[in-house]
Protein backbone atom coordinates (compact mmCIF):
# COMPACT_ATOMS: atom_id res chain seq x y z
CA UNK A 1 -125.12 35.50 -88.70
CA UNK A 2 -122.02 34.26 -86.80
CA UNK A 3 -120.11 37.37 -87.84
CA UNK A 4 -122.89 39.69 -86.75
CA UNK A 5 -123.19 37.96 -83.37
CA UNK A 6 -119.47 38.62 -82.66
CA UNK A 7 -119.73 42.37 -83.31
CA UNK A 8 -120.28 44.75 -80.38
CA UNK A 9 -123.67 46.42 -79.99
CA UNK A 10 -122.30 49.84 -81.01
CA UNK A 11 -120.76 48.48 -84.15
CA UNK A 12 -123.95 46.68 -85.08
CA UNK A 13 -125.89 49.91 -84.88
CA UNK A 14 -123.15 51.79 -86.70
CA UNK A 15 -123.45 49.24 -89.50
CA UNK A 16 -127.17 49.86 -89.86
CA UNK A 17 -126.68 53.58 -90.23
CA UNK A 18 -123.65 53.09 -92.54
CA UNK A 19 -126.00 51.08 -94.86
CA UNK A 20 -128.49 53.97 -94.93
CA UNK A 21 -125.69 56.50 -95.63
CA UNK A 22 -124.20 54.41 -98.33
CA UNK A 23 -127.69 53.89 -99.93
CA UNK A 24 -128.28 57.64 -99.81
CA UNK A 25 -124.73 58.54 -101.04
CA UNK A 26 -124.74 55.91 -103.70
CA UNK A 27 -127.63 57.39 -105.53
CA UNK A 28 -125.67 60.31 -106.87
CA UNK A 29 -126.81 62.45 -103.99
CA UNK A 30 -125.79 66.07 -103.61
CA UNK A 31 -128.21 67.06 -100.86
CA UNK A 32 -128.83 70.61 -99.91
CA UNK A 33 -130.32 72.24 -96.90
CA UNK A 34 -133.65 73.94 -97.45
CA UNK A 35 -134.20 77.66 -97.17
CA UNK A 36 -132.15 78.81 -100.12
CA UNK A 37 -132.50 82.14 -101.91
CA UNK A 38 -132.71 80.92 -105.52
CA UNK A 39 -135.64 80.94 -107.93
CA UNK A 40 -138.21 78.15 -107.87
CA UNK A 41 -138.94 76.15 -111.02
CA UNK A 42 -142.18 76.27 -112.93
CA UNK A 43 -144.96 73.92 -111.69
CA UNK A 44 -145.03 70.49 -113.48
CA UNK A 45 -147.02 67.23 -113.10
CA UNK A 46 -144.97 64.78 -111.04
CA UNK A 47 -144.49 62.38 -113.99
CA UNK A 48 -143.09 65.16 -116.22
CA UNK A 49 -140.81 66.45 -113.43
CA UNK A 50 -139.40 62.91 -112.90
CA UNK A 51 -138.98 62.36 -116.64
CA UNK A 52 -137.18 65.63 -117.09
CA UNK A 53 -134.86 64.84 -114.14
CA UNK A 54 -133.99 61.42 -115.58
CA UNK A 55 -133.43 62.86 -119.00
CA UNK A 56 -131.19 65.72 -117.78
CA UNK A 57 -127.60 65.75 -119.04
CA UNK A 58 -125.20 63.83 -116.83
CA UNK A 59 -123.15 66.09 -114.54
CA UNK A 60 -119.39 66.07 -114.88
CA UNK A 61 -119.23 65.51 -111.07
CA UNK A 62 -120.57 66.76 -107.74
CA UNK A 63 -118.91 68.29 -104.70
CA UNK A 64 -120.96 69.24 -101.64
CA UNK A 65 -120.66 70.25 -97.99
CA UNK A 66 -122.71 67.74 -95.99
CA UNK A 67 -124.80 67.80 -92.81
CA UNK A 68 -126.07 64.51 -91.44
CA UNK A 69 -128.78 64.54 -88.84
CA UNK A 70 -129.62 61.54 -86.73
CA UNK A 71 -132.47 61.63 -84.20
CA UNK A 72 -133.12 57.94 -84.47
CA UNK A 73 -132.23 57.16 -80.90
CA UNK A 74 -133.66 58.87 -77.80
CA UNK A 75 -131.37 61.58 -76.56
CA UNK A 76 -128.80 60.26 -74.03
CA UNK A 77 -130.27 56.76 -74.02
CA UNK A 78 -127.57 54.94 -75.97
CA UNK A 79 -123.81 54.80 -75.83
CA UNK A 80 -123.34 58.45 -74.86
CA UNK A 81 -120.28 60.21 -76.23
CA UNK A 82 -118.75 56.97 -77.55
CA UNK A 83 -121.03 56.94 -80.57
CA UNK A 84 -119.58 57.48 -84.07
CA UNK A 85 -120.45 60.35 -86.34
CA UNK A 86 -123.15 58.21 -87.97
CA UNK A 87 -124.90 57.74 -84.67
CA UNK A 88 -124.60 61.22 -83.27
CA UNK A 89 -124.93 63.36 -86.42
CA UNK A 90 -122.07 65.10 -88.16
CA UNK A 91 -120.97 67.53 -90.80
CA UNK A 92 -118.68 66.71 -93.74
CA UNK A 93 -118.34 66.67 -97.52
CA UNK A 94 -119.34 64.59 -100.52
CA UNK A 95 -117.44 63.91 -103.75
CA UNK A 96 -119.01 62.05 -106.67
CA UNK A 97 -117.48 61.42 -110.14
CA UNK A 98 -119.38 60.99 -113.34
CA UNK A 99 -118.36 57.31 -113.50
CA UNK A 100 -120.10 56.26 -110.30
CA UNK A 101 -117.24 56.55 -107.78
CA UNK A 102 -117.84 58.49 -104.61
CA UNK A 103 -116.70 59.44 -101.14
CA UNK A 104 -118.68 60.61 -98.11
CA UNK A 105 -116.69 62.09 -95.27
CA UNK A 106 -118.36 62.93 -91.90
CA UNK A 107 -116.63 64.61 -88.94
CA UNK A 108 -117.78 64.96 -85.31
CA UNK A 109 -116.36 65.01 -81.81
CA UNK A 110 -117.69 61.48 -81.44
CA UNK A 111 -115.44 60.17 -84.22
CA UNK A 112 -115.11 60.55 -87.95
CA UNK A 113 -116.58 58.21 -90.57
CA UNK A 114 -115.47 57.92 -94.19
CA UNK A 115 -117.36 55.94 -96.84
CA UNK A 116 -115.89 55.25 -100.28
CA UNK A 117 -117.51 53.38 -103.08
CA UNK A 118 -117.20 52.28 -106.74
CA UNK A 119 -119.05 49.85 -108.98
CA UNK A 120 -117.58 46.85 -107.22
CA UNK A 121 -117.16 47.67 -103.51
CA UNK A 122 -118.16 49.89 -100.57
CA UNK A 123 -115.62 50.62 -97.83
CA UNK A 124 -116.60 52.37 -94.54
CA UNK A 125 -113.98 53.43 -91.99
CA UNK A 126 -115.22 54.15 -88.46
CA UNK A 127 -112.54 56.12 -86.65
CA UNK A 128 -114.20 55.73 -83.25
CA UNK A 129 -113.41 51.97 -83.34
CA UNK A 130 -110.57 52.12 -85.89
CA UNK A 131 -112.50 49.56 -87.94
CA UNK A 132 -112.96 49.24 -91.65
CA UNK A 133 -116.12 47.60 -92.98
CA UNK A 134 -116.07 46.28 -96.50
CA UNK A 135 -118.90 45.12 -98.74
CA UNK A 136 -118.64 43.69 -102.24
CA UNK A 137 -121.48 44.90 -104.48
CA UNK A 138 -123.41 42.44 -106.61
CA UNK A 139 -122.04 42.14 -110.23
CA UNK A 140 -124.12 43.66 -112.94
CA UNK A 141 -126.38 41.22 -114.73
CA UNK A 142 -125.30 40.30 -118.21
CA UNK A 143 -127.26 38.86 -121.11
CA UNK A 144 -130.41 40.79 -120.32
CA UNK A 145 -133.06 40.68 -123.07
CA UNK A 146 -133.66 44.36 -122.43
CA UNK A 147 -130.21 46.01 -122.32
CA UNK A 148 -129.86 49.43 -120.79
CA UNK A 149 -129.54 51.98 -123.62
CA UNK A 150 -128.99 54.93 -121.29
CA UNK A 151 -132.28 56.54 -122.42
CA UNK A 152 -134.71 57.83 -119.79
CA UNK A 153 -137.96 55.93 -119.32
CA UNK A 154 -140.82 57.33 -121.38
CA UNK A 155 -143.49 59.55 -119.81
CA UNK A 156 -146.00 56.67 -120.10
CA UNK A 157 -143.67 54.30 -118.26
CA UNK A 158 -143.13 56.76 -115.43
CA UNK A 159 -146.94 57.38 -115.16
CA UNK A 160 -147.51 53.65 -114.95
CA UNK A 161 -144.95 53.27 -112.23
CA UNK A 162 -146.38 56.22 -110.22
CA UNK A 163 -149.90 54.58 -110.56
CA UNK A 164 -148.56 51.28 -109.15
CA UNK A 165 -146.71 53.13 -106.39
CA UNK A 166 -149.92 54.94 -105.55
CA UNK A 167 -151.55 51.61 -104.65
CA UNK A 168 -149.24 51.28 -101.71
CA UNK A 169 -148.35 54.86 -100.78
CA UNK A 170 -149.66 58.40 -100.87
CA UNK A 171 -147.45 60.40 -103.24
CA UNK A 172 -147.62 64.18 -103.37
CA UNK A 173 -147.21 66.22 -106.52
CA UNK A 174 -143.86 67.77 -107.45
CA UNK A 175 -143.80 70.83 -105.24
CA UNK A 176 -141.59 73.65 -106.65
CA UNK A 177 -139.14 74.96 -104.11
CA UNK A 178 -135.56 76.19 -103.90
CA UNK A 179 -132.91 74.31 -101.97
CA UNK A 180 -129.55 75.92 -101.24
CA UNK A 181 -130.19 78.42 -103.99
CA UNK A 182 -131.08 75.74 -106.55
CA UNK A 183 -134.45 75.40 -108.29
CA UNK A 184 -135.85 72.07 -107.05
CA UNK A 185 -138.94 69.84 -106.77
CA UNK A 186 -139.92 68.14 -103.57
CA UNK A 187 -142.06 64.99 -103.17
CA UNK A 188 -143.56 63.56 -99.98
CA UNK A 189 -144.28 59.79 -99.80
CA UNK A 190 -146.40 58.22 -97.03
CA UNK A 191 -147.44 54.58 -96.55
CA UNK A 192 -151.16 54.09 -96.96
CA UNK A 193 -151.27 51.10 -94.60
CA UNK A 194 -149.05 48.82 -92.56
CA UNK A 195 -146.55 51.64 -92.15
CA UNK A 196 -145.46 50.79 -88.62
CA UNK A 197 -143.85 53.82 -86.95
CA UNK A 198 -142.86 55.38 -90.25
CA UNK A 199 -144.60 58.72 -90.90
CA UNK A 200 -143.33 59.68 -94.31
CA UNK A 201 -140.27 60.35 -96.40
CA UNK A 202 -139.28 63.34 -98.54
CA UNK A 203 -137.10 63.52 -101.65
CA UNK A 204 -136.06 66.66 -103.49
CA UNK A 205 -134.04 66.96 -106.67
CA UNK A 206 -132.47 69.68 -108.78
CA UNK A 207 -134.93 70.83 -111.45
CA UNK A 208 -132.14 71.56 -113.92
CA UNK A 209 -129.52 68.92 -113.17
CA UNK A 210 -131.83 66.09 -112.24
CA UNK A 211 -129.70 65.24 -109.16
CA UNK A 212 -131.29 64.37 -105.86
CA UNK A 213 -130.89 67.26 -103.44
CA UNK A 214 -132.32 66.12 -100.10
CA UNK A 215 -133.64 62.95 -98.47
CA UNK A 216 -135.31 62.74 -95.05
CA UNK A 217 -137.27 60.18 -93.09
CA UNK A 218 -139.90 61.17 -90.49
CA UNK A 219 -141.47 59.11 -87.68
CA UNK A 220 -145.16 59.14 -87.02
CA UNK A 221 -146.20 62.37 -85.23
CA UNK A 222 -142.82 64.09 -85.68
CA UNK A 223 -142.35 67.37 -87.57
CA UNK A 224 -138.52 66.90 -87.53
CA UNK A 225 -136.83 64.25 -89.61
CA UNK A 226 -135.44 61.25 -87.78
CA UNK A 227 -132.70 60.84 -90.40
CA UNK A 228 -131.67 63.45 -92.87
CA UNK A 229 -128.68 63.84 -95.20
CA UNK A 230 -128.23 67.55 -96.22
CA UNK A 231 -125.58 69.82 -97.53
CA UNK A 232 -125.03 73.54 -97.10
CA UNK A 233 -123.44 74.00 -100.52
CA UNK A 234 -123.43 72.18 -103.91
CA UNK A 235 -120.97 72.56 -106.86
CA UNK A 236 -121.25 70.80 -110.15
CA UNK A 237 -118.06 70.12 -112.07
CA UNK A 238 -115.30 67.67 -112.70
CA UNK A 239 -114.04 65.76 -109.57
CA UNK A 240 -110.45 64.42 -109.62
CA UNK A 241 -109.84 60.72 -108.87
CA UNK A 242 -107.67 61.73 -105.91
CA UNK A 243 -110.81 62.92 -104.11
CA UNK A 244 -112.53 59.52 -104.18
CA UNK A 245 -109.59 57.09 -104.26
CA UNK A 246 -108.86 57.20 -100.57
CA UNK A 247 -107.63 54.30 -98.46
CA UNK A 248 -108.37 53.76 -94.74
CA UNK A 249 -105.49 54.04 -92.20
CA UNK A 250 -102.96 51.24 -92.08
CA UNK A 251 -103.48 48.95 -89.05
CA UNK A 252 -107.21 49.40 -88.87
CA UNK A 253 -109.27 46.29 -88.09
CA UNK A 254 -111.12 44.95 -91.20
CA UNK A 255 -114.55 43.30 -91.12
CA UNK A 256 -115.91 41.86 -94.38
CA UNK A 257 -119.65 42.11 -94.45
CA UNK A 258 -120.28 40.56 -97.86
CA UNK A 259 -121.06 37.03 -96.59
CA UNK A 260 -122.81 38.16 -93.45
CA UNK A 261 -125.17 40.39 -95.37
CA UNK A 262 -126.50 37.48 -97.39
CA UNK A 263 -126.23 34.31 -95.25
CA UNK A 264 -129.00 32.67 -97.10
CA UNK A 265 -127.31 32.11 -100.41
CA UNK A 266 -126.02 29.39 -102.55
CA UNK A 267 -126.89 25.85 -101.37
CA UNK A 268 -128.64 27.21 -98.18
CA UNK A 269 -131.00 29.31 -100.22
CA UNK A 270 -131.68 26.55 -102.78
CA UNK A 271 -132.45 24.04 -99.94
CA UNK A 272 -134.32 26.47 -97.68
CA UNK A 273 -137.26 24.80 -95.95
CA UNK A 274 -140.62 26.67 -95.93
CA UNK A 275 -143.69 25.98 -93.80
CA UNK A 276 -143.72 25.26 -90.04
CA UNK A 277 -143.51 21.55 -90.29
CA UNK A 278 -140.62 21.53 -92.82
CA UNK A 279 -138.67 24.08 -90.78
CA UNK A 280 -139.18 22.23 -87.56
CA UNK A 281 -137.83 19.11 -89.23
CA UNK A 282 -134.86 20.99 -90.58
CA UNK A 283 -133.57 22.60 -87.32
CA UNK A 284 -132.35 21.11 -84.07
CA UNK A 285 -134.40 23.22 -81.63
CA UNK A 286 -138.14 23.67 -80.97
CA UNK A 287 -139.56 26.37 -83.27
CA UNK A 288 -141.95 28.76 -81.55
CA UNK A 289 -144.42 30.06 -84.11
CA UNK A 290 -147.98 30.54 -82.97
CA UNK A 291 -150.70 31.16 -85.62
CA UNK A 292 -150.98 34.75 -84.49
CA UNK A 293 -148.83 37.18 -82.54
CA UNK A 294 -150.32 40.28 -80.84
CA UNK A 295 -153.19 40.05 -83.35
CA UNK A 296 -151.00 39.65 -86.44
CA UNK A 297 -151.38 36.48 -88.53
CA UNK A 298 -148.37 34.30 -89.30
CA UNK A 299 -147.37 34.94 -92.88
CA UNK A 300 -144.16 32.98 -93.38
CA UNK A 301 -141.91 30.43 -91.82
CA UNK A 302 -138.60 29.42 -93.41
CA UNK A 303 -135.03 28.32 -92.53
CA UNK A 304 -132.52 31.16 -92.43
CA UNK A 305 -128.79 30.64 -92.84
CA UNK A 306 -129.27 26.93 -92.72
CA UNK A 307 -129.62 26.64 -88.93
CA UNK A 308 -132.00 29.41 -87.95
CA UNK A 309 -135.75 29.90 -88.36
CA UNK A 310 -137.27 33.05 -89.68
CA UNK A 311 -140.94 33.73 -88.79
CA UNK A 312 -142.86 36.72 -90.19
CA UNK A 313 -146.19 38.09 -88.69
CA UNK A 314 -148.24 40.68 -90.56
CA UNK A 315 -147.08 42.35 -93.76
CA UNK A 316 -145.52 45.55 -95.03
CA UNK A 317 -143.70 47.93 -92.77
CA UNK A 318 -146.00 46.93 -89.89
CA UNK A 319 -144.73 43.36 -89.84
CA UNK A 320 -142.95 41.67 -86.93
CA UNK A 321 -139.94 39.52 -87.76
CA UNK A 322 -138.66 36.81 -85.43
CA UNK A 323 -135.40 34.98 -85.85
CA UNK A 324 -134.84 31.86 -83.74
CA UNK A 325 -131.75 29.68 -83.36
CA UNK A 326 -130.36 27.16 -80.94
CA UNK A 327 -128.69 28.94 -78.00
CA UNK A 328 -124.99 28.35 -77.50
CA UNK A 329 -124.34 25.61 -75.01
CA UNK A 330 -122.40 27.95 -72.81
CA UNK A 331 -124.38 31.03 -73.65
CA UNK A 332 -126.30 33.21 -71.22
CA UNK A 333 -128.93 35.98 -71.81
CA UNK A 334 -126.14 38.45 -71.21
CA UNK A 335 -123.80 37.19 -73.93
CA UNK A 336 -125.66 38.11 -77.14
CA UNK A 337 -124.79 40.90 -79.54
CA UNK A 338 -127.35 43.18 -77.90
CA UNK A 339 -126.16 42.48 -74.37
CA UNK A 340 -124.84 46.02 -73.81
CA UNK A 341 -128.33 47.53 -74.40
CA UNK A 342 -130.84 48.32 -71.62
CA UNK A 343 -132.38 45.23 -70.07
CA UNK A 344 -136.08 44.46 -70.09
CA UNK A 345 -138.05 42.00 -68.01
CA UNK A 346 -139.97 39.31 -69.99
CA UNK A 347 -142.03 37.31 -67.48
CA UNK A 348 -139.00 36.45 -65.34
CA UNK A 349 -136.50 36.39 -68.21
CA UNK A 350 -134.00 39.15 -68.98
CA UNK A 351 -133.94 40.46 -72.50
CA UNK A 352 -132.08 43.42 -74.08
CA UNK A 353 -133.82 46.02 -76.10
CA UNK A 354 -132.89 48.55 -78.77
CA UNK A 355 -135.55 51.20 -79.00
CA UNK A 356 -135.61 53.85 -81.82
CA UNK A 357 -138.19 56.21 -83.21
CA UNK A 358 -138.77 53.93 -86.14
CA UNK A 359 -138.89 50.52 -84.44
CA UNK A 360 -137.77 48.19 -81.62
CA UNK A 361 -135.63 45.07 -81.44
CA UNK A 362 -135.39 42.67 -78.46
CA UNK A 363 -133.02 39.77 -77.85
CA UNK A 364 -133.61 36.97 -75.26
CA UNK A 365 -133.28 33.32 -74.61
CA UNK A 366 -135.87 30.81 -73.44
CA UNK A 367 -135.73 27.02 -73.13
CA UNK A 368 -132.50 26.68 -75.08
CA UNK A 369 -133.59 28.93 -77.95
CA UNK A 370 -132.22 32.38 -78.69
CA UNK A 371 -134.69 34.86 -80.12
CA UNK A 372 -134.42 38.20 -81.81
CA UNK A 373 -137.68 40.06 -82.50
CA UNK A 374 -137.76 43.23 -84.53
CA UNK A 375 -140.49 45.43 -85.97
CA UNK A 376 -141.55 49.02 -86.65
CA UNK A 377 -143.56 49.15 -83.39
CA UNK A 378 -143.16 50.88 -79.99
CA UNK A 379 -141.27 49.15 -77.15
CA UNK A 380 -144.46 48.18 -75.22
CA UNK A 381 -145.86 46.35 -78.21
CA UNK A 382 -142.58 44.65 -78.98
CA UNK A 383 -142.31 43.50 -75.34
CA UNK A 384 -145.83 42.13 -75.41
CA UNK A 385 -145.05 40.21 -78.61
CA UNK A 386 -141.86 38.78 -77.01
CA UNK A 387 -143.72 37.67 -73.90
CA UNK A 388 -146.25 35.80 -76.08
CA UNK A 389 -143.48 33.60 -77.73
CA UNK A 390 -143.40 30.72 -75.32
């Protein structure tokens, strides 16, 4: 938490989108723009199409030309031309080896971004701030009673998984299509309830290679994706190590996100207090946690990072999360990590608000307590919730 509070607003937002890009790129993605001219595959039940994709022979490597689209932030509302490629959208290339190493390179007038990963570590270089962000990946679990044999899950196992997924989301069938000249299947997934501002997501994969070809996230009521990673060309074949073993420029500032990404670990996690009374006794500030917040019931209260309180209202993607901590003795409402964002009035107090098509976050201080409220809800609803926390 301390590390994140010291980063600039722009870098905090860049990190959030870097995480998305790494998650997408790290799943062996060679995405392709729609509207190709290749043949479509034969229709299949979804479970069969998924099974065949997982059982497909492993590719020797993937090279792709990439287009990243980002409509998450309202046009012109945030940071202007100083945003990095991840915030403004960009084009670039992807390289992926058959042993799990990869590199995603995005270029734009706003500044280039390069993300490199292997089994142990992810490194993201943001040229707009000349900063390298590093993250150590969790070590693979050993001693499992069910070791990974490399075999694809059975058709029955996949059907069972899809049935369980169907209890929480509407999942379409495998729709035959062609993407960048490749035969592909496309699936649409929509939350059945508590989806917040999320409309749906789409995933497409190569019907022959079993490689994901496209991922896109849509906000409610929007026909255009809020976030999409796509490529205009895909090639399967061996990728040299030199294409993925790339180091950031010498002299760049380095930020290690490994500890900041999991502040509730080790002794803090083992000794975390749960329940309002226990949390209040564990921290040195008055915890604000009413039974309900804008109609949502309080679901959880626990210590976070040892000295902060985490309060959750509602459930699923429609939940509201509130993090509370003792305000710095010399702090002011303008000194927090979101202080560069547009201000918002909260019954005489000044907060700062990050509004996106998928959710809203607000930071403010009241009575010696610093608050951050976030949820997949529109600004007016988030502001109403913030005003209710007194």
